């Protein structure tokens, strides 16, 4: 966590005063004449401000993003404020293009219409590239860090023009509406949710640096990805977004406390695939009885089979997190698209999606009895830092 007191002590009083009181004091004057009592009052206010920032993880997180200037401009506010401003010119022009703006707007409206009780308390941080951080963190309660990193379909137009695969075919492989499947877990129970509106076909945030931008013949399921090579500037822009995402993820974990880190996906209905699957490659064995309990609960709810590590055991994000936090409970999940989409995978069945979303949230109600039946006791109400 950044110690803002140390930061302020490293800069001159004149710079500090220019930042906190640009109206009362002219920062361009050759000197600042201020008596001792007023100076003491100003630094008292600074102390209160920095203490509040350090005690509030949301303020700490947002302050870090702005201080490092890695993400450029960001929009922050509660759900009510961003929904109120969604049709304003400043909000529309904030995003790279109108296609991305429309996606973010639709998500804001979906959350706003379904979670009236969170309109004032749910805090959001939105980037120009379509990363949305939903903050419903509950102090001293159960909190999930949720990632729906493949839920987006947006690609910058000049980059999309170079793709060999058509948009219609690409959408068959995208994780359509996974933000609506998994998002309620955080919105109902508590935690932080990172959603991504950008398509993995431009840059896949769940791959390592050497594989983040797909190449022709790099994927078993598609031979030709690009009909024209990306320019150096286009590649650099995509890589910059990738690095911004991992910076954001790192700072979130520094600022908050989580019980579980959960990566949510969907999978194509290929032959032999289960209805659901957990990726457990990066979970410490200590937590596996809890996963088995979740697996049984899904079976009891009618999902069968519910597998482990079929066909995916966990992506790069969980690998990266497990290396930084080897004791963390890191879990991924895949749901078969036939559970909530039409057979041609072109339309979502809303009723089925909502039922599955509710069932997935329910398996995270882990009590002592569930844990003990697994031969394992875990206090998920603890606030030990991941």
Protein backbone atom coordinates (compact mmCIF):
# COMPACT_ATOMS: atom_id res chain seq x y z
CA UNK A 1 0.00 0.00 0.00
CA UNK A 2 1.34 3.44 -0.89
CA UNK A 3 2.09 5.52 2.20
CA UNK A 4 0.76 8.91 1.17
CA UNK A 5 2.25 10.60 4.20
CA UNK A 6 5.73 9.59 3.01
CA UNK A 7 4.85 10.78 -0.47
CA UNK A 8 3.81 14.23 0.75
CA UNK A 9 6.92 14.58 2.92
CA UNK A 10 9.10 14.17 -0.18
CA UNK A 11 7.64 17.18 -1.96
CA UNK A 12 7.88 20.82 -1.00
CA UNK A 13 5.19 22.57 1.05
CA UNK A 14 4.64 24.92 -1.87
CA UNK A 15 3.71 22.00 -4.17
CA UNK A 16 1.47 20.50 -1.52
CA UNK A 17 -0.31 23.79 -0.97
CA UNK A 18 -0.70 24.29 -4.70
CA UNK A 19 -2.43 20.93 -4.93
CA UNK A 20 -4.79 21.32 -1.99
CA UNK A 21 -5.56 25.03 -2.20
CA UNK A 22 -5.25 26.35 -5.76
CA UNK A 23 -7.87 29.04 -5.10
CA UNK A 24 -6.69 30.45 -1.79
CA UNK A 25 -3.01 30.46 -2.69
CA UNK A 26 -1.44 31.46 -5.98
CA UNK A 27 1.01 28.62 -6.82
CA UNK A 28 2.79 30.72 -9.44
CA UNK A 29 3.85 33.45 -7.04
CA UNK A 30 7.53 33.76 -6.24
CA UNK A 31 6.97 33.05 -2.58
CA UNK A 32 4.28 31.92 -0.16
CA UNK A 33 3.75 33.95 2.97
CA UNK A 34 1.69 31.94 5.43
CA UNK A 35 1.72 32.20 9.19
CA UNK A 36 2.50 29.24 11.43
CA UNK A 37 -1.05 28.68 12.68
CA UNK A 38 -2.49 28.48 9.16
CA UNK A 39 0.31 26.22 8.01
CA UNK A 40 -0.38 23.92 10.96
CA UNK A 41 -4.10 23.84 10.08
CA UNK A 42 -3.37 22.93 6.45
CA UNK A 43 -1.09 20.09 7.40
CA UNK A 44 -3.66 18.86 9.91
CA UNK A 45 -6.13 18.64 7.05
CA UNK A 46 -3.53 16.79 4.99
CA UNK A 47 -3.02 14.29 7.79
CA UNK A 48 -6.77 13.60 7.94
CA UNK A 49 -6.96 13.25 4.17
CA UNK A 50 -4.07 10.80 3.90
CA UNK A 51 -5.34 8.80 6.88
CA UNK A 52 -8.73 8.47 5.24
CA UNK A 53 -7.16 7.35 1.95
CA UNK A 54 -5.03 4.72 3.66
CA UNK A 55 -7.99 3.40 5.67
CA UNK A 56 -10.33 3.21 2.65
CA UNK A 57 -9.22 0.58 0.12
CA UNK A 58 -11.30 2.12 -2.68
CA UNK A 59 -9.73 5.56 -2.23
CA UNK A 60 -6.32 3.95 -1.95
CA UNK A 61 -6.82 1.97 -5.17
CA UNK A 62 -8.15 4.93 -7.18
CA UNK A 63 -5.43 7.22 -5.85
CA UNK A 64 -2.74 4.78 -6.94
CA UNK A 65 -4.17 4.56 -10.45
CA UNK A 66 -4.29 8.32 -10.77
CA UNK A 67 -0.87 8.84 -9.18
CA UNK A 68 0.88 6.35 -11.47
CA UNK A 69 -1.03 7.64 -14.51
CA UNK A 70 -0.82 4.18 -16.06
CA UNK A 71 -4.46 4.10 -17.10
CA UNK A 72 -4.65 7.67 -18.35
CA UNK A 73 -8.09 9.04 -17.62
CA UNK A 74 -10.49 6.91 -15.64
CA UNK A 75 -14.11 7.48 -14.67
CA UNK A 76 -15.04 6.75 -11.07
CA UNK A 77 -18.25 7.10 -9.12
CA UNK A 78 -21.09 5.13 -7.65
CA UNK A 79 -23.64 3.25 -9.75
CA UNK A 80 -26.23 6.00 -9.45
CA UNK A 81 -23.80 8.70 -10.65
CA UNK A 82 -22.49 6.80 -13.66
CA UNK A 83 -25.98 5.67 -14.67
CA UNK A 84 -27.18 9.27 -14.36
CA UNK A 85 -24.39 10.47 -16.67
CA UNK A 86 -24.50 7.60 -19.16
CA UNK A 87 -26.08 9.69 -21.94
CA UNK A 88 -23.98 12.81 -21.44
CA UNK A 89 -21.49 13.91 -24.06
CA UNK A 90 -18.52 13.66 -21.72
CA UNK A 91 -19.36 10.03 -20.93
CA UNK A 92 -19.86 9.10 -24.58
CA UNK A 93 -16.63 10.77 -25.66
CA UNK A 94 -14.60 9.22 -22.87
CA UNK A 95 -14.42 5.84 -24.64
CA UNK A 96 -12.31 4.98 -27.66
CA UNK A 97 -15.36 4.61 -29.87
CA UNK A 98 -19.15 4.49 -29.69
CA UNK A 99 -19.30 0.70 -29.94
CA UNK A 100 -17.41 0.36 -26.67
CA UNK A 101 -19.49 3.12 -25.11
CA UNK A 102 -22.71 1.26 -25.97
CA UNK A 103 -21.43 -1.94 -24.33
CA UNK A 104 -20.51 -0.16 -21.11
CA UNK A 105 -23.82 1.72 -21.11
CA UNK A 106 -25.78 -1.53 -21.51
CA UNK A 107 -23.93 -3.05 -18.57
CA UNK A 108 -24.58 0.00 -16.40
CA UNK A 109 -28.27 -0.21 -17.18
CA UNK A 110 -28.37 -3.95 -16.48
CA UNK A 111 -26.77 -3.57 -13.04
CA UNK A 112 -28.79 -0.44 -12.23
CA UNK A 113 -32.11 -2.07 -13.10
CA UNK A 114 -31.38 -5.30 -11.22
CA UNK A 115 -29.68 -3.95 -8.09
CA UNK A 116 -31.65 -0.99 -6.79
CA UNK A 117 -30.21 -1.51 -3.31
CA UNK A 118 -26.66 -0.96 -4.62
CA UNK A 119 -27.23 2.26 -6.55
CA UNK A 120 -25.57 4.46 -3.95
CA UNK A 121 -23.07 2.02 -2.43
CA UNK A 122 -21.62 0.18 -5.46
CA UNK A 123 -18.49 2.02 -6.60
CA UNK A 124 -17.19 1.73 -10.17
CA UNK A 125 -13.91 2.45 -11.90
CA UNK A 126 -14.06 2.46 -15.71
CA UNK A 127 -11.17 2.74 -18.16
CA UNK A 128 -11.13 3.96 -21.76
CA UNK A 129 -10.42 0.41 -22.96
CA UNK A 130 -13.51 -1.08 -21.33
CA UNK A 131 -12.20 -2.51 -18.07
CA UNK A 132 -14.92 -2.08 -15.43
CA UNK A 133 -14.13 -2.61 -11.74
CA UNK A 134 -17.22 -3.04 -9.57
CA UNK A 135 -16.49 -2.46 -5.88
CA UNK A 136 -18.95 -4.13 -3.49
CA UNK A 137 -16.28 -5.02 -0.94
CA UNK A 138 -17.69 -5.70 2.52
CA UNK A 139 -15.37 -5.07 5.43
CA UNK A 140 -14.86 -8.12 7.66
CA UNK A 141 -17.24 -10.19 5.53
CA UNK A 142 -16.98 -12.79 2.77
CA UNK A 143 -15.42 -11.22 -0.35
CA UNK A 144 -14.65 -12.67 -3.78
CA UNK A 145 -12.28 -11.25 -6.36
CA UNK A 146 -14.15 -12.14 -9.54
CA UNK A 147 -12.74 -11.96 -13.06
CA UNK A 148 -14.87 -12.18 -16.21
CA UNK A 149 -11.99 -11.39 -18.48
CA UNK A 150 -13.34 -13.02 -21.65
CA UNK A 151 -16.89 -11.63 -21.48
CA UNK A 152 -16.25 -8.79 -23.94
CA UNK A 153 -16.53 -8.69 -27.73
CA UNK A 154 -15.28 -5.19 -28.56
CA UNK A 155 -12.29 -4.68 -30.86
CA UNK A 156 -10.93 -1.35 -32.08
CA UNK A 157 -12.17 -0.98 -35.63
CA UNK A 158 -8.82 -0.64 -37.41
CA UNK A 159 -7.63 -3.82 -35.66
CA UNK A 160 -10.86 -5.70 -36.32
CA UNK A 161 -10.50 -4.88 -40.04
CA UNK A 162 -7.34 -7.00 -40.11
CA UNK A 163 -8.95 -10.13 -38.64
CA UNK A 164 -9.46 -13.04 -41.02
CA UNK A 165 -12.32 -14.47 -38.94
CA UNK A 166 -15.71 -12.83 -39.41
CA UNK A 167 -17.49 -11.18 -36.49
CA UNK A 168 -20.35 -13.70 -36.74
CA UNK A 169 -17.98 -16.66 -36.46
CA UNK A 170 -15.90 -14.97 -33.78
CA UNK A 171 -18.97 -14.53 -31.56
CA UNK A 172 -19.45 -18.31 -31.54
CA UNK A 173 -16.18 -18.57 -29.63
CA UNK A 174 -16.60 -15.56 -27.34
CA UNK A 175 -17.74 -15.94 -23.71
CA UNK A 176 -21.12 -14.39 -24.39
CA UNK A 177 -22.87 -12.92 -21.32
CA UNK A 178 -20.55 -14.52 -18.78
CA UNK A 179 -20.58 -11.19 -16.92
CA UNK A 180 -24.30 -11.80 -16.28
CA UNK A 181 -23.66 -15.38 -15.16
CA UNK A 182 -20.94 -14.64 -12.62
CA UNK A 183 -21.40 -10.94 -11.78
CA UNK A 184 -24.27 -11.52 -9.32
CA UNK A 185 -21.85 -13.48 -7.12
CA UNK A 186 -20.12 -10.22 -6.17
CA UNK A 187 -23.20 -8.00 -6.44
CA UNK A 188 -25.20 -10.25 -4.09
CA UNK A 189 -22.52 -11.42 -1.69
CA UNK A 190 -19.65 -8.94 -1.72
CA UNK A 191 -16.25 -8.43 -3.24
CA UNK A 192 -14.60 -6.88 -6.28
CA UNK A 193 -15.50 -7.75 -9.85
CA UNK A 194 -13.24 -7.00 -12.83
CA UNK A 195 -15.08 -7.18 -16.15
CA UNK A 196 -13.54 -6.71 -19.58
CA UNK A 197 -15.48 -5.50 -22.61
CA UNK A 198 -12.59 -6.08 -25.06
CA UNK A 199 -12.38 -9.28 -27.09
CA UNK A 200 -9.65 -11.83 -26.50
CA UNK A 201 -9.31 -12.05 -30.31
CA UNK A 202 -7.45 -8.74 -30.18
CA UNK A 203 -5.47 -9.43 -27.01
CA UNK A 204 -6.06 -12.28 -24.58
CA UNK A 205 -5.49 -11.18 -20.98
CA UNK A 206 -5.62 -14.82 -19.86
CA UNK A 207 -2.47 -15.74 -21.78
CA UNK A 208 1.18 -15.20 -20.99
CA UNK A 209 3.09 -12.33 -22.64
CA UNK A 210 4.40 -14.52 -25.46
CA UNK A 211 0.87 -15.68 -26.44
CA UNK A 212 -1.32 -12.70 -25.58
CA UNK A 213 -1.85 -11.72 -29.24
CA UNK A 214 -2.97 -14.70 -31.30
CA UNK A 215 -0.93 -15.53 -34.38
CA UNK A 216 -1.87 -17.50 -37.47
CA UNK A 217 -1.68 -21.24 -36.70
CA UNK A 218 -1.14 -20.53 -32.99
CA UNK A 219 -4.59 -21.85 -32.04
CA UNK A 220 -5.78 -25.40 -32.66
CA UNK A 221 -9.35 -24.25 -33.22
CA UNK A 222 -8.58 -21.62 -35.87
CA UNK A 223 -5.82 -21.68 -38.47
CA UNK A 224 -5.91 -18.13 -39.75
CA UNK A 225 -6.52 -15.32 -37.28
CA UNK A 226 -5.19 -12.36 -39.29
CA UNK A 227 -5.55 -11.55 -42.98
CA UNK A 228 -3.17 -8.62 -42.58
CA UNK A 229 -0.30 -8.14 -40.13
CA UNK A 230 -0.79 -5.68 -37.31
CA UNK A 231 1.33 -2.55 -37.38
CA UNK A 232 3.91 -1.95 -34.67
CA UNK A 233 1.73 0.85 -33.28
CA UNK A 234 -1.33 -1.43 -33.12
CA UNK A 235 0.60 -4.21 -31.37
CA UNK A 236 2.08 -1.74 -28.90
CA UNK A 237 -1.37 -0.36 -28.14
CA UNK A 238 -2.71 -3.85 -27.40
CA UNK A 239 0.30 -4.71 -25.24
CA UNK A 240 -0.12 -1.46 -23.33
CA UNK A 241 -3.68 -2.48 -22.45
CA UNK A 242 -2.49 -5.91 -21.32
CA UNK A 243 0.10 -4.36 -19.02
CA UNK A 244 -2.44 -1.89 -17.65
CA UNK A 245 -4.74 -4.77 -16.76
CA UNK A 246 -2.09 -6.63 -14.75
CA UNK A 247 -1.04 -3.40 -13.03
CA UNK A 248 -4.68 -2.82 -12.02
CA UNK A 249 -5.08 -6.40 -10.81
CA UNK A 250 -1.91 -6.17 -8.73
CA UNK A 251 -2.98 -2.91 -7.08
CA UNK A 252 -6.44 -4.27 -6.32
CA UNK A 253 -4.99 -7.20 -4.42
CA UNK A 254 -2.66 -4.85 -2.57
CA UNK A 255 -5.59 -2.67 -1.50
CA UNK A 256 -8.26 -5.25 -0.59
CA UNK A 257 -8.75 -8.53 1.27
CA UNK A 258 -10.34 -11.52 -0.45
CA UNK A 259 -11.40 -15.01 0.57
CA UNK A 260 -11.49 -16.49 -2.94
CA UNK A 261 -10.15 -15.42 -6.34
CA UNK A 262 -12.55 -16.71 -8.99
CA UNK A 263 -12.11 -16.68 -12.77
CA UNK A 264 -15.39 -17.25 -14.68
CA UNK A 265 -15.72 -18.52 -18.26
CA UNK A 266 -17.94 -20.41 -20.69
CA UNK A 267 -16.96 -23.21 -23.07
CA UNK A 268 -18.20 -24.45 -26.43
CA UNK A 269 -20.43 -27.51 -26.43
CA UNK A 270 -17.87 -29.79 -28.07
CA UNK A 271 -18.33 -33.54 -27.90
CA UNK A 272 -17.42 -35.09 -24.56
CA UNK A 273 -17.38 -31.85 -22.60
CA UNK A 274 -19.11 -31.68 -19.20
CA UNK A 275 -21.89 -29.30 -18.29
CA UNK A 276 -19.59 -27.53 -15.84
CA UNK A 277 -15.97 -27.79 -14.80
CA UNK A 278 -13.68 -26.31 -12.16
CA UNK A 279 -10.07 -25.48 -12.94
CA UNK A 280 -8.03 -26.49 -9.91
CA UNK A 281 -4.45 -26.56 -11.21
CA UNK A 282 -3.36 -23.62 -9.07
CA UNK A 283 -5.33 -24.34 -5.88
CA UNK A 284 -3.29 -25.40 -2.84
CA UNK A 285 -4.41 -28.95 -1.79
CA UNK A 286 -5.56 -27.40 1.48
CA UNK A 287 -8.65 -26.01 -0.30
CA UNK A 288 -9.65 -29.01 -2.43
CA UNK A 289 -12.27 -30.34 0.03
CA UNK A 290 -14.14 -27.06 -0.41
CA UNK A 291 -14.08 -27.48 -4.18
CA UNK A 292 -15.43 -31.03 -3.79
CA UNK A 293 -18.25 -29.63 -1.68
CA UNK A 294 -19.08 -27.11 -4.45
CA UNK A 295 -18.99 -29.92 -7.00
CA UNK A 296 -21.48 -32.00 -5.00
CA UNK A 297 -23.80 -29.03 -4.57
CA UNK A 298 -23.93 -28.50 -8.33
CA UNK A 299 -24.65 -32.20 -8.84
CA UNK A 300 -27.52 -31.92 -6.36
CA UNK A 301 -28.86 -28.96 -8.33
CA UNK A 302 -29.07 -31.13 -11.45
CA UNK A 303 -25.83 -30.34 -13.26
CA UNK A 304 -24.07 -33.47 -14.46
CA UNK A 305 -21.30 -34.08 -15.07
CA UNK A 306 -19.44 -31.43 -13.10
CA UNK A 307 -15.78 -32.14 -13.73
CA UNK A 308 -12.40 -30.97 -12.59
CA UNK A 309 -9.91 -29.64 -15.15
CA UNK A 310 -11.93 -30.73 -18.21
CA UNK A 311 -11.12 -29.29 -20.69
CA UNK A 312 -9.26 -26.44 -18.93
CA UNK A 313 -7.38 -26.50 -15.65
CA UNK A 314 -6.82 -22.77 -15.21
CA UNK A 315 -5.44 -19.91 -17.30
CA UNK A 316 -2.48 -17.59 -17.06
CA UNK A 317 -4.20 -15.16 -14.68
CA UNK A 318 -4.49 -17.81 -11.98
CA UNK A 319 -0.94 -18.99 -12.66
CA UNK A 320 0.32 -15.41 -12.25
CA UNK A 321 -1.68 -14.94 -9.05
CA UNK A 322 -0.56 -18.27 -7.57
CA UNK A 323 3.08 -17.30 -8.08
CA UNK A 324 2.57 -13.99 -6.27
CA UNK A 325 0.22 -15.41 -3.60
CA UNK A 326 0.89 -19.15 -3.33
CA UNK A 327 -1.50 -19.63 -0.40
CA UNK A 328 -4.49 -18.00 -2.14
CA UNK A 329 -7.69 -19.89 -2.93
CA UNK A 330 -7.64 -19.43 -6.73
CA UNK A 331 -10.37 -21.17 -8.72
CA UNK A 332 -11.67 -21.06 -12.31
CA UNK A 333 -14.95 -22.29 -13.72
CA UNK A 334 -16.31 -23.17 -17.17
CA UNK A 335 -20.00 -23.51 -17.98
CA UNK A 336 -21.17 -25.23 -21.15
CA UNK A 337 -22.89 -22.79 -23.51
CA UNK A 338 -25.75 -25.21 -24.13
CA UNK A 339 -26.85 -24.59 -20.54
CA UNK A 340 -27.90 -21.03 -21.35
CA UNK A 341 -27.75 -20.49 -25.13
CA UNK A 342 -29.68 -21.72 -28.16
CA UNK A 343 -28.23 -24.65 -30.12
CA UNK A 344 -26.79 -22.35 -32.77
CA UNK A 345 -25.14 -20.34 -29.94
CA UNK A 346 -26.50 -17.07 -31.32
CA UNK A 347 -28.93 -16.15 -28.56
CA UNK A 348 -28.98 -16.25 -24.78
CA UNK A 349 -31.91 -17.87 -22.97
CA UNK A 350 -32.39 -15.32 -20.21
CA UNK A 351 -34.42 -17.53 -17.84
CA UNK A 352 -31.88 -20.35 -17.98
CA UNK A 353 -28.97 -17.93 -17.56
CA UNK A 354 -30.52 -16.32 -14.48
CA UNK A 355 -31.28 -19.69 -12.89
CA UNK A 356 -27.73 -20.93 -13.49
CA UNK A 357 -26.30 -17.66 -12.16
CA UNK A 358 -28.33 -18.05 -8.96
CA UNK A 359 -27.19 -21.66 -8.55
CA UNK A 360 -23.53 -20.75 -9.00
CA UNK A 361 -23.82 -18.03 -6.36
CA UNK A 362 -25.46 -20.53 -3.99
CA UNK A 363 -22.49 -22.91 -3.99
CA UNK A 364 -20.40 -20.17 -2.38
CA UNK A 365 -22.54 -20.34 0.76
CA UNK A 366 -19.88 -22.45 2.45
CA UNK A 367 -20.60 -23.08 6.11
CA UNK A 368 -18.73 -25.07 8.74
CA UNK A 369 -20.93 -28.14 8.25
CA UNK A 370 -20.08 -28.31 4.53
CA UNK A 371 -16.41 -28.02 5.31
CA UNK A 372 -16.48 -30.60 8.08
CA UNK A 373 -18.26 -33.12 5.82
CA UNK A 374 -15.27 -32.73 3.53
CA UNK A 375 -12.90 -33.49 6.39
CA UNK A 376 -11.81 -29.88 6.40
CA UNK A 377 -12.56 -26.75 8.43
CA UNK A 378 -12.24 -23.31 6.88
CA UNK A 379 -13.30 -20.00 8.39
CA UNK A 380 -14.29 -18.02 5.32
CA UNK A 381 -15.24 -15.09 7.49
CA UNK A 382 -11.60 -14.49 8.29
CA UNK A 383 -9.99 -11.42 6.86
CA UNK A 384 -6.48 -12.75 6.47
CA UNK A 385 -4.84 -10.87 3.60
CA UNK A 386 -4.38 -12.70 0.31
